[in-house]
Amino acid sequence: MNLISGLIKKPTFISIVFIILTGLGIPLIVYQLFTLHPSGSLGITIEIIFMLILFGFLVIDRFLIRNINNKKLSVIEVIVITGYLTYYYFTHDRSFSIG
C-alpha cells in the first residue's frame, strides 16, 4: 500500500506513463489471450517484455525519488526525454513522423 500512496503523492513522468500503459496493456493482453491467433503469441510476448521494461524503469524511478529530490529528478527526466527526442529527430531524416 505504501508503493501506491507513493505513486499518488510523488508522481513523475515515468510513473504516469507506466500507469497509463499498464492500464491499457493488461486488458489488451487478456483480450489477446482469449482470441489467440496463430501469430498472436509473438505479439503477446513483445507486449509482456515491454511491460517488464517499463516496470524496471518504474523501480529505478522509485529508487531515485527516495534518494534524490523530486525537483532534481524532474529536471533529469526532462533532460533525458529532450535528449532522446533530439537524437530521434536527427537520426530519422529530421522528422518526427513514424511513416
PDB file of N, CA and C in Angstrom:
ATOM      1  N   MET A   1       0.823  -1.187   0.000  1.00  0.00           N
ATOM      2  CA  MET A   1       0.000   0.000   0.000  1.00  0.00           C
ATOM      3  C   MET A   1       0.869   1.255   0.000  1.00  0.00           C
ATOM      4  N   ASN A   2       2.057   1.154   0.564  1.00  0.00           N
ATOM      5  CA  ASN A   2       2.963   2.291   0.605  1.00  0.00           C
ATOM      6  C   ASN A   2       3.415   2.677  -0.801  1.00  0.00           C
ATOM      7  N   LEU A   3       3.592   1.674  -1.678  1.00  0.00           N
ATOM      8  CA  LEU A   3       4.009   1.950  -3.048  1.00  0.00           C
ATOM      9  C   LEU A   3       2.938   2.726  -3.800  1.00  0.00           C
ATOM     10  N   ILE A   4       1.691   2.337  -3.629  1.00  0.00           N
ATOM     11  CA  ILE A   4       0.597   3.021  -4.324  1.00  0.00           C
ATOM     12  C   ILE A   4       0.453   4.449  -3.819  1.00  0.00           C
ATOM     13  N   SER A   5       0.559   4.647  -2.518  1.00  0.00           N
ATOM     14  CA  SER A   5       0.458   6.013  -1.995  1.00  0.00           C
ATOM     15  C   SER A   5       1.649   6.854  -2.448  1.00  0.00           C
ATOM     16  N   GLY A   6       2.814   6.239  -2.611  1.00  0.00           N
ATOM     17  CA  GLY A   6       3.975   6.961  -3.124  1.00  0.00           C
ATOM     18  C   GLY A   6       3.792   7.393  -4.568  1.00  0.00           C
ATOM     19  N   LEU A   7       3.121   6.548  -5.367  1.00  0.00           N
ATOM     20  CA  LEU A   7       2.842   6.919  -6.752  1.00  0.00           C
ATOM     21  C   LEU A   7       1.867   8.085  -6.830  1.00  0.00           C
ATOM     22  N   ILE A   8       0.943   8.141  -5.890  1.00  0.00           N
ATOM     23  CA  ILE A   8      -0.057   9.213  -5.899  1.00  0.00           C
ATOM     24  C   ILE A   8       0.525  10.507  -5.335  1.00  0.00           C
ATOM     25  N   LYS A   9       1.316  10.411  -4.263  1.00  0.00           N
ATOM     26  CA  LYS A   9       1.846  11.618  -3.622  1.00  0.00           C
ATOM     27  C   LYS A   9       2.996  12.246  -4.400  1.00  0.00           C
ATOM     28  N   LYS A  10       3.849  11.429  -5.007  1.00  0.00           N
ATOM     29  CA  LYS A  10       5.010  11.937  -5.741  1.00  0.00           C
ATOM     30  C   LYS A  10       5.042  11.344  -7.151  1.00  0.00           C
ATOM     31  N   PRO A  11       4.130  11.779  -8.011  1.00  0.00           N
ATOM     32  CA  PRO A  11       4.149  11.227  -9.370  1.00  0.00           C
ATOM     33  C   PRO A  11       5.278  11.836 -10.198  1.00  0.00           C
ATOM     34  N   THR A  12       5.837  11.038 -11.070  1.00  0.00           N
ATOM     35  CA  THR A  12       6.832  11.511 -12.026  1.00  0.00           C
ATOM     36  C   THR A  12       6.356  11.119 -13.413  1.00  0.00           C
ATOM     37  N   PHE A  13       7.060  11.595 -14.424  1.00  0.00           N
ATOM     38  CA  PHE A  13       6.666  11.293 -15.800  1.00  0.00           C
ATOM     39  C   PHE A  13       6.675   9.791 -16.049  1.00  0.00           C
ATOM     40  N   ILE A  14       7.698   9.114 -15.569  1.00  0.00           N
ATOM     41  CA  ILE A  14       7.815   7.673 -15.788  1.00  0.00           C
ATOM     42  C   ILE A  14       6.684   6.927 -15.093  1.00  0.00           C
ATOM     43  N   SER A  15       6.328   7.326 -13.886  1.00  0.00           N
ATOM     44  CA  SER A  15       5.252   6.629 -13.181  1.00  0.00           C
ATOM     45  C   SER A  15       3.901   6.864 -13.846  1.00  0.00           C
ATOM     46  N   ILE A  16       3.670   8.067 -14.355  1.00  0.00           N
ATOM     47  CA  ILE A  16       2.409   8.340 -15.048  1.00  0.00           C
ATOM     48  C   ILE A  16       2.321   7.534 -16.337  1.00  0.00           C
ATOM     49  N   VAL A  17       3.405   7.483 -17.107  1.00  0.00           N
ATOM     50  CA  VAL A  17       3.418   6.691 -18.339  1.00  0.00           C
ATOM     51  C   VAL A  17       3.228   5.213 -18.023  1.00  0.00           C
ATOM     52  N   PHE A  18       3.869   4.726 -16.955  1.00  0.00           N
ATOM     53  CA  PHE A  18       3.716   3.325 -16.566  1.00  0.00           C
ATOM     54  C   PHE A  18       2.266   3.004 -16.217  1.00  0.00           C
ATOM     55  N   ILE A  19       1.621   3.864 -15.450  1.00  0.00           N
ATOM     56  CA  ILE A  19       0.236   3.611 -15.048  1.00  0.00           C
ATOM     57  C   ILE A  19      -0.684   3.613 -16.267  1.00  0.00           C
ATOM     58  N   ILE A  20      -0.499   4.571 -17.169  1.00  0.00           N
ATOM     59  CA  ILE A  20      -1.354   4.641 -18.359  1.00  0.00           C
ATOM     60  C   ILE A  20      -1.144   3.425 -19.254  1.00  0.00           C
ATOM     61  N   LEU A  21       0.112   3.080 -19.537  1.00  0.00           N
ATOM     62  CA  LEU A  21       0.373   1.957 -20.433  1.00  0.00           C
ATOM     63  C   LEU A  21       0.015   0.617 -19.804  1.00  0.00           C
ATOM     64  N   THR A  22       0.130   0.494 -18.492  1.00  0.00           N
ATOM     65  CA  THR A  22      -0.298  -0.730 -17.825  1.00  0.00           C
ATOM     66  C   THR A  22      -1.814  -0.844 -17.863  1.00  0.00           C
ATOM     67  N   GLY A  23      -2.495   0.273 -17.645  1.00  0.00           N
ATOM     68  CA  GLY A  23      -3.955   0.266 -17.711  1.00  0.00           C
ATOM     69  C   GLY A  23      -4.478  -0.091 -19.090  1.00  0.00           C
ATOM     70  N   LEU A  24      -3.741   0.272 -20.124  1.00  0.00           N
ATOM     71  CA  LEU A  24      -4.132  -0.094 -21.481  1.00  0.00           C
ATOM     72  C   LEU A  24      -3.601  -1.468 -21.884  1.00  0.00           C
ATOM     73  N   GLY A  25      -2.427  -1.825 -21.381  1.00  0.00           N
ATOM     74  CA  GLY A  25      -1.767  -3.048 -21.826  1.00  0.00           C
ATOM     75  C   GLY A  25      -2.329  -4.325 -21.246  1.00  0.00           C
ATOM     76  N   ILE A  26      -2.666  -4.327 -19.967  1.00  0.00           N
ATOM     77  CA  ILE A  26      -3.159  -5.559 -19.339  1.00  0.00           C
ATOM     78  C   ILE A  26      -4.482  -6.022 -19.953  1.00  0.00           C
ATOM     79  N   PRO A  27      -5.477  -5.143 -20.146  1.00  0.00           N
ATOM     80  CA  PRO A  27      -6.692  -5.620 -20.825  1.00  0.00           C
ATOM     81  C   PRO A  27      -6.426  -6.091 -22.255  1.00  0.00           C
ATOM     82  N   LEU A  28      -5.488  -5.446 -22.949  1.00  0.00           N
ATOM     83  CA  LEU A  28      -5.151  -5.874 -24.301  1.00  0.00           C
ATOM     84  C   LEU A  28      -4.521  -7.265 -24.299  1.00  0.00           C
ATOM     85  N   ILE A  29      -3.632  -7.524 -23.359  1.00  0.00           N
ATOM     86  CA  ILE A  29      -3.005  -8.844 -23.262  1.00  0.00           C
ATOM     87  C   ILE A  29      -4.047  -9.906 -22.928  1.00  0.00           C
ATOM     88  N   VAL A  30      -4.948  -9.611 -21.999  1.00  0.00           N
ATOM     89  CA  VAL A  30      -6.002 -10.570 -21.637  1.00  0.00           C
ATOM     90  C   VAL A  30      -6.900 -10.838 -22.837  1.00  0.00           C
ATOM     91  N   TYR A  31      -7.267  -9.800 -23.578  1.00  0.00           N
ATOM     92  CA  TYR A  31      -8.096  -9.971 -24.775  1.00  0.00           C
ATOM     93  C   TYR A  31      -7.383 -10.841 -25.804  1.00  0.00           C
ATOM     94  N   GLN A  32      -6.088 -10.610 -26.006  1.00  0.00           N
ATOM     95  CA  GLN A  32      -5.342 -11.397 -26.977  1.00  0.00           C
ATOM     96  C   GLN A  32      -5.193 -12.847 -26.536  1.00  0.00           C
ATOM     97  N   LEU A  33      -5.153 -13.092 -25.231  1.00  0.00           N
ATOM     98  CA  LEU A  33      -5.083 -14.478 -24.764  1.00  0.00           C
ATOM     99  C   LEU A  33      -6.363 -15.240 -25.083  1.00  0.00           C
ATOM    100  N   PHE A  34      -7.514 -14.555 -25.001  1.00  0.00           N
ATOM    101  CA  PHE A  34      -8.781 -15.224 -25.280  1.00  0.00           C
ATOM    102  C   PHE A  34      -9.063 -15.353 -26.771  1.00  0.00           C
ATOM    103  N   THR A  35      -8.514 -14.490 -27.588  1.00  0.00           N
ATOM    104  CA  THR A  35      -8.714 -14.549 -29.042  1.00  0.00           C
ATOM    105  C   THR A  35      -7.372 -14.796 -29.716  1.00  0.00           C
ATOM    106  N   LEU A  36      -6.691 -15.849 -29.305  1.00  0.00           N
ATOM    107  CA  LEU A  36      -5.332 -16.112 -29.762  1.00  0.00           C
ATOM    108  C   LEU A  36      -5.331 -16.626 -31.196  1.00  0.00           C
ATOM    109  N   HIS A  37      -4.646 -15.904 -32.063  1.00  0.00           N
ATOM    110  CA  HIS A  37      -4.434 -16.325 -33.437  1.00  0.00           C
ATOM    111  C   HIS A  37      -3.096 -17.058 -33.500  1.00  0.00           C
ATOM    112  N   PRO A  38      -2.816 -17.764 -34.599  1.00  0.00           N
ATOM    113  CA  PRO A  38      -1.534 -18.480 -34.674  1.00  0.00           C
ATOM    114  C   PRO A  38      -0.310 -17.579 -34.517  1.00  0.00           C
ATOM    115  N   SER A  39      -0.389 -16.345 -34.972  1.00  0.00           N
ATOM    116  CA  SER A  39       0.762 -15.453 -34.834  1.00  0.00           C
ATOM    117  C   SER A  39       0.612 -14.499 -33.653  1.00  0.00           C
ATOM    118  N   GLY A  40      -0.401 -14.675 -32.848  1.00  0.00           N
ATOM    119  CA  GLY A  40      -0.661 -13.757 -31.744  1.00  0.00           C
ATOM    120  C   GLY A  40       0.277 -13.916 -30.564  1.00  0.00           C
ATOM    121  N   SER A  41       0.888 -15.080 -30.424  1.00  0.00           N
ATOM    122  CA  SER A  41       1.741 -15.293 -29.258  1.00  0.00           C
ATOM    123  C   SER A  41       2.984 -14.405 -29.299  1.00  0.00           C
ATOM    124  N   LEU A  42       3.487 -14.093 -30.489  1.00  0.00           N
ATOM    125  CA  LEU A  42       4.636 -13.197 -30.592  1.00  0.00           C
ATOM    126  C   LEU A  42       4.257 -11.795 -30.124  1.00  0.00           C
ATOM    127  N   GLY A  43       3.076 -11.335 -30.497  1.00  0.00           N
ATOM    128  CA  GLY A  43       2.622 -10.016 -30.061  1.00  0.00           C
ATOM    129  C   GLY A  43       2.469  -9.940 -28.555  1.00  0.00           C
ATOM    130  N   ILE A  44       1.920 -10.994 -27.957  1.00  0.00           N
ATOM    131  CA  ILE A  44       1.761 -11.026 -26.502  1.00  0.00           C
ATOM    132  C   ILE A  44       3.127 -11.025 -25.825  1.00  0.00           C
ATOM    133  N   THR A  45       4.066 -11.783 -26.375  1.00  0.00           N
ATOM    134  CA  THR A  45       5.409 -11.835 -25.806  1.00  0.00           C
ATOM    135  C   THR A  45       6.086 -10.465 -25.859  1.00  0.00           C
ATOM    136  N   ILE A  46       5.958  -9.783 -26.986  1.00  0.00           N
ATOM    137  CA  ILE A  46       6.552  -8.450 -27.115  1.00  0.00           C
ATOM    138  C   ILE A  46       5.915  -7.484 -26.132  1.00  0.00           C
ATOM    139  N   GLU A  47       4.596  -7.552 -25.965  1.00  0.00           N
ATOM    140  CA  GLU A  47       3.920  -6.660 -25.024  1.00  0.00           C
ATOM    141  C   GLU A  47       4.336  -6.939 -23.585  1.00  0.00           C
ATOM    142  N   ILE A  48       4.488  -8.208 -23.225  1.00  0.00           N
ATOM    143  CA  ILE A  48       4.905  -8.546 -21.860  1.00  0.00           C
ATOM    144  C   ILE A  48       6.339  -8.081 -21.610  1.00  0.00           C
ATOM    145  N   ILE A  49       7.226  -8.253 -22.590  1.00  0.00           N
ATOM    146  CA  ILE A  49       8.604  -7.773 -22.443  1.00  0.00           C
ATOM    147  C   ILE A  49       8.617  -6.258 -22.282  1.00  0.00           C
ATOM    148  N   PHE A  50       7.802  -5.547 -23.067  1.00  0.00           N
ATOM    149  CA  PHE A  50       7.711  -4.090 -22.960  1.00  0.00           C
ATOM    150  C   PHE A  50       7.200  -3.689 -21.582  1.00  0.00           C
ATOM    151  N   MET A  51       6.218  -4.422 -21.048  1.00  0.00           N
ATOM    152  CA  MET A  51       5.690  -4.117 -19.714  1.00  0.00           C
ATOM    153  C   MET A  51       6.758  -4.364 -18.646  1.00  0.00           C
ATOM    154  N   LEU A  52       7.569  -5.410 -18.810  1.00  0.00           N
ATOM    155  CA  LEU A  52       8.637  -5.676 -17.847  1.00  0.00           C
ATOM    156  C   LEU A  52       9.713  -4.588 -17.888  1.00  0.00           C
ATOM    157  N   ILE A  53      10.019  -4.091 -19.090  1.00  0.00           N
ATOM    158  CA  ILE A  53      10.982  -2.993 -19.203  1.00  0.00           C
ATOM    159  C   ILE A  53      10.432  -1.747 -18.520  1.00  0.00           C
ATOM    160  N   LEU A  54       9.147  -1.454 -18.730  1.00  0.00           N
ATOM    161  CA  LEU A  54       8.526  -0.312 -18.055  1.00  0.00           C
ATOM    162  C   LEU A  54       8.529  -0.498 -16.541  1.00  0.00           C
ATOM    163  N   PHE A  55       8.293  -1.720 -16.088  1.00  0.00           N
ATOM    164  CA  PHE A  55       8.328  -1.980 -14.652  1.00  0.00           C
ATOM    165  C   PHE A  55       9.731  -1.744 -14.096  1.00  0.00           C
ATOM    166  N   GLY A  56      10.755  -2.127 -14.860  1.00  0.00           N
ATOM    167  CA  GLY A  56      12.133  -1.852 -14.446  1.00  0.00           C
ATOM    168  C   GLY A  56      12.403  -0.361 -14.333  1.00  0.00           C
ATOM    169  N   PHE A  57      11.901   0.409 -15.307  1.00  0.00           N
ATOM    170  CA  PHE A  57      12.034   1.869 -15.224  1.00  0.00           C
ATOM    171  C   PHE A  57      11.308   2.418 -14.008  1.00  0.00           C
ATOM    172  N   LEU A  58      10.145   1.847 -13.683  1.00  0.00           N
ATOM    173  CA  LEU A  58       9.398   2.312 -12.513  1.00  0.00           C
ATOM    174  C   LEU A  58      10.166   2.028 -11.225  1.00  0.00           C
ATOM    175  N   VAL A  59      10.784   0.856 -11.133  1.00  0.00           N
ATOM    176  CA  VAL A  59      11.570   0.522  -9.941  1.00  0.00           C
ATOM    177  C   VAL A  59      12.753   1.481  -9.804  1.00  0.00           C
ATOM    178  N   ILE A  60      13.448   1.743 -10.915  1.00  0.00           N
ATOM    179  CA  ILE A  60      14.562   2.695 -10.879  1.00  0.00           C
ATOM    180  C   ILE A  60      14.066   4.083 -10.497  1.00  0.00           C
ATOM    181  N   ASP A  61      12.915   4.479 -11.043  1.00  0.00           N
ATOM    182  CA  ASP A  61      12.340   5.793 -10.740  1.00  0.00           C
ATOM    183  C   ASP A  61      11.989   5.917  -9.264  1.00  0.00           C
ATOM    184  N   ARG A  62      11.380   4.898  -8.695  1.00  0.00           N
ATOM    185  CA  ARG A  62      11.017   4.942  -7.270  1.00  0.00           C
ATOM    186  C   ARG A  62      12.265   4.951  -6.394  1.00  0.00           C
ATOM    187  N   PHE A  63      13.323   4.238  -6.809  1.00  0.00           N
ATOM    188  CA  PHE A  63      14.582   4.261  -6.061  1.00  0.00           C
ATOM    189  C   PHE A  63      15.196   5.657  -6.099  1.00  0.00           C
ATOM    190  N   LEU A  64      15.175   6.274  -7.284  1.00  0.00           N
ATOM    191  CA  LEU A  64      15.749   7.614  -7.407  1.00  0.00           C
ATOM    192  C   LEU A  64      14.944   8.653  -6.650  1.00  0.00           C
ATOM    193  N   ILE A  65      13.629   8.503  -6.605  1.00  0.00           N
ATOM    194  CA  ILE A  65      12.809   9.504  -5.915  1.00  0.00           C
ATOM    195  C   ILE A  65      13.027   9.445  -4.405  1.00  0.00           C
ATOM    196  N   ARG A  66      13.444   8.283  -3.893  1.00  0.00           N
ATOM    197  CA  ARG A  66      13.768   8.198  -2.461  1.00  0.00           C
ATOM    198  C   ARG A  66      15.112   8.843  -2.150  1.00  0.00           C
ATOM    199  N   ASN A  67      16.036   8.795  -3.110  1.00  0.00           N
ATOM    200  CA  ASN A  67      17.387   9.282  -2.862  1.00  0.00           C
ATOM    201  C   ASN A  67      17.658  10.682  -3.413  1.00  0.00           C
ATOM    202  N   ILE A  68      16.850  11.140  -4.362  1.00  0.00           N
ATOM    203  CA  ILE A  68      17.060  12.443  -4.993  1.00  0.00           C
ATOM    204  C   ILE A  68      15.811  13.283  -4.770  1.00  0.00           C
ATOM    205  N   ASN A  69      15.997  14.578  -4.687  1.00  0.00           N
ATOM    206  CA  ASN A  69      14.884  15.499  -4.555  1.00  0.00           C
ATOM    207  C   ASN A  69      13.957  15.374  -5.768  1.00  0.00           C
ATOM    208  N   ASN A  70      12.666  15.557  -5.562  1.00  0.00           N
ATOM    209  CA  ASN A  70      11.680  15.401  -6.629  1.00  0.00           C
ATOM    210  C   ASN A  70      11.920  16.390  -7.767  1.00  0.00           C
ATOM    211  N   LYS A  71      12.320  17.613  -7.445  1.00  0.00           N
ATOM    212  CA  LYS A  71      12.577  18.610  -8.486  1.00  0.00           C
ATOM    213  C   LYS A  71      13.803  18.239  -9.310  1.00  0.00           C
ATOM    214  N   LYS A  72      14.850  17.745  -8.666  1.00  0.00           N
ATOM    215  CA  LYS A  72      16.044  17.321  -9.397  1.00  0.00           C
ATOM    216  C   LYS A  72      15.724  16.151 -10.321  1.00  0.00           C
ATOM    217  N   LEU A  73      14.894  15.222  -9.850  1.00  0.00           N
ATOM    218  CA  LEU A  73      14.517  14.087 -10.680  1.00  0.00           C
ATOM    219  C   LEU A  73      13.699  14.541 -11.880  1.00  0.00           C
ATOM    220  N   SER A  74      12.832  15.529 -11.701  1.00  0.00           N
ATOM    221  CA  SER A  74      12.060  16.064 -12.822  1.00  0.00           C
ATOM    222  C   SER A  74      12.973  16.711 -13.855  1.00  0.00           C
ATOM    223  N   VAL A  75      13.992  17.424 -13.396  1.00  0.00           N
ATOM    224  CA  VAL A  75      14.951  18.035 -14.318  1.00  0.00           C
ATOM    225  C   VAL A  75      15.717  16.949 -15.070  1.00  0.00           C
ATOM    226  N   ILE A  76      16.119  15.894 -14.379  1.00  0.00           N
ATOM    227  CA  ILE A  76      16.824  14.786 -15.028  1.00  0.00           C
ATOM    228  C   ILE A  76      15.932  14.131 -16.072  1.00  0.00           C
ATOM    229  N   GLU A  77      14.650  13.918 -15.756  1.00  0.00           N
ATOM    230  CA  GLU A  77      13.724  13.326 -16.718  1.00  0.00           C
ATOM    231  C   GLU A  77      13.559  14.214 -17.945  1.00  0.00           C
ATOM    232  N   VAL A  78      13.440  15.516 -17.746  1.00  0.00           N
ATOM    233  CA  VAL A  78      13.299  16.437 -18.881  1.00  0.00           C
ATOM    234  C   VAL A  78      14.544  16.389 -19.761  1.00  0.00           C
ATOM    235  N   ILE A  79      15.723  16.344 -19.157  1.00  0.00           N
ATOM    236  CA  ILE A  79      16.966  16.287 -19.927  1.00  0.00           C
ATOM    237  C   ILE A  79      17.044  14.988 -20.720  1.00  0.00           C
ATOM    238  N   VAL A  80      16.704  13.869 -20.106  1.00  0.00           N
ATOM    239  CA  VAL A  80      16.765  12.577 -20.794  1.00  0.00           C
ATOM    240  C   VAL A  80      15.753  12.521 -21.935  1.00  0.00           C
ATOM    241  N   ILE A  81      14.527  12.969 -21.689  1.00  0.00           N
ATOM    242  CA  ILE A  81      13.496  12.928 -22.729  1.00  0.00           C
ATOM    243  C   ILE A  81      13.841  13.878 -23.868  1.00  0.00           C
ATOM    244  N   THR A  82      14.321  15.077 -23.557  1.00  0.00           N
ATOM    245  CA  THR A  82      14.729  16.021 -24.598  1.00  0.00           C
ATOM    246  C   THR A  82      15.906  15.473 -25.394  1.00  0.00           C
ATOM    247  N   GLY A  83      16.854  14.854 -24.719  1.00  0.00           N
ATOM    248  CA  GLY A  83      17.983  14.246 -25.412  1.00  0.00           C
ATOM    249  C   GLY A  83      17.553  13.127 -26.339  1.00  0.00           C
ATOM    250  N   TYR A  84      16.627  12.294 -25.884  1.00  0.00           N
ATOM    251  CA  TYR A  84      16.146  11.207 -26.738  1.00  0.00           C
ATOM    252  C   TYR A  84      15.396  11.757 -27.945  1.00  0.00           C
ATOM    253  N   LEU A  85      14.522  12.744 -27.732  1.00  0.00           N
ATOM    254  CA  LEU A  85      13.773  13.315 -28.854  1.00  0.00           C
ATOM    255  C   LEU A  85      14.702  14.009 -29.846  1.00  0.00           C
ATOM    256  N   THR A  86      15.746  14.677 -29.363  1.00  0.00           N
ATOM    257  CA  THR A  86      16.724  15.303 -30.249  1.00  0.00           C
ATOM    258  C   THR A  86      17.477  14.246 -31.047  1.00  0.00           C
ATOM    259  N   TYR A  87      17.898  13.181 -30.384  1.00  0.00           N
ATOM    260  CA  TYR A  87      18.578  12.079 -31.068  1.00  0.00           C
ATOM    261  C   TYR A  87      17.676  11.471 -32.135  1.00  0.00           C
ATOM    262  N   TYR A  88      16.406  11.231 -31.800  1.00  0.00           N
ATOM    263  CA  TYR A  88      15.457  10.655 -32.754  1.00  0.00           C
ATOM    264  C   TYR A  88      15.260  11.580 -33.947  1.00  0.00           C
ATOM    265  N   TYR A  89      15.148  12.874 -33.690  1.00  0.00           N
ATOM    266  CA  TYR A  89      14.922  13.850 -34.759  1.00  0.00           C
ATOM    267  C   TYR A  89      16.077  13.852 -35.755  1.00  0.00           C
ATOM    268  N   PHE A  90      17.308  13.854 -35.260  1.00  0.00           N
ATOM    269  CA  PHE A  90      18.453  13.945 -36.154  1.00  0.00           C
ATOM    270  C   PHE A  90      18.801  12.618 -36.817  1.00  0.00           C
ATOM    271  N   THR A  91      18.391  11.494 -36.258  1.00  0.00           N
ATOM    272  CA  THR A  91      18.704  10.208 -36.883  1.00  0.00           C
ATOM    273  C   THR A  91      17.592   9.693 -37.787  1.00  0.00           C
ATOM    274  N   HIS A  92      16.461  10.368 -37.839  1.00  0.00           N
ATOM    275  CA  HIS A  92      15.349   9.937 -38.693  1.00  0.00           C
ATOM    276  C   HIS A  92      14.981  11.040 -39.685  1.00  0.00           C
ATOM    277  N   ASP A  93      15.958  11.487 -40.432  1.00  0.00           N
ATOM    278  CA  ASP A  93      15.777  12.465 -41.512  1.00  0.00           C
ATOM    279  C   ASP A  93      15.109  13.751 -41.052  1.00  0.00           C
ATOM    280  N   ARG A  94      15.462  14.219 -39.877  1.00  0.00           N
ATOM    281  CA  ARG A  94      14.950  15.475 -39.320  1.00  0.00           C
ATOM    282  C   ARG A  94      13.422  15.531 -39.336  1.00  0.00           C
ATOM    283  N   SER A  95      12.826  14.448 -38.865  1.00  0.00           N
ATOM    284  CA  SER A  95      11.368  14.360 -38.859  1.00  0.00           C
ATOM    285  C   SER A  95      10.923  13.517 -37.671  1.00  0.00           C
ATOM    286  N   PHE A  96       9.755  13.839 -37.134  1.00  0.00           N
ATOM    287  CA  PHE A  96       9.172  13.038 -36.068  1.00  0.00           C
ATOM    288  C   PHE A  96       8.107  12.087 -36.599  1.00  0.00           C
ATOM    289  N   SER A  97       7.911  12.041 -37.916  1.00  0.00           N
ATOM    290  CA  SER A  97       6.865  11.179 -38.467  1.00  0.00           C
ATOM    291  C   SER A  97       7.276   9.718 -38.361  1.00  0.00           C
ATOM    292  N   ILE A  98       6.299   8.877 -38.154  1.00  0.00           N
ATOM    293  CA  ILE A  98       6.555   7.450 -37.996  1.00  0.00           C
ATOM    294  C   ILE A  98       6.606   6.771 -39.361  1.00  0.00           C
ATOM    295  N   GLY A  99       5.792   7.192 -40.278  1.00  0.00           N
ATOM    296  CA  GLY A  99       5.660   6.521 -41.574  1.00  0.00           C
ATOM    297  C   GLY A  99       6.622   6.908 -42.594  1.00  0.00           C
TER     298      GLY A  99
END
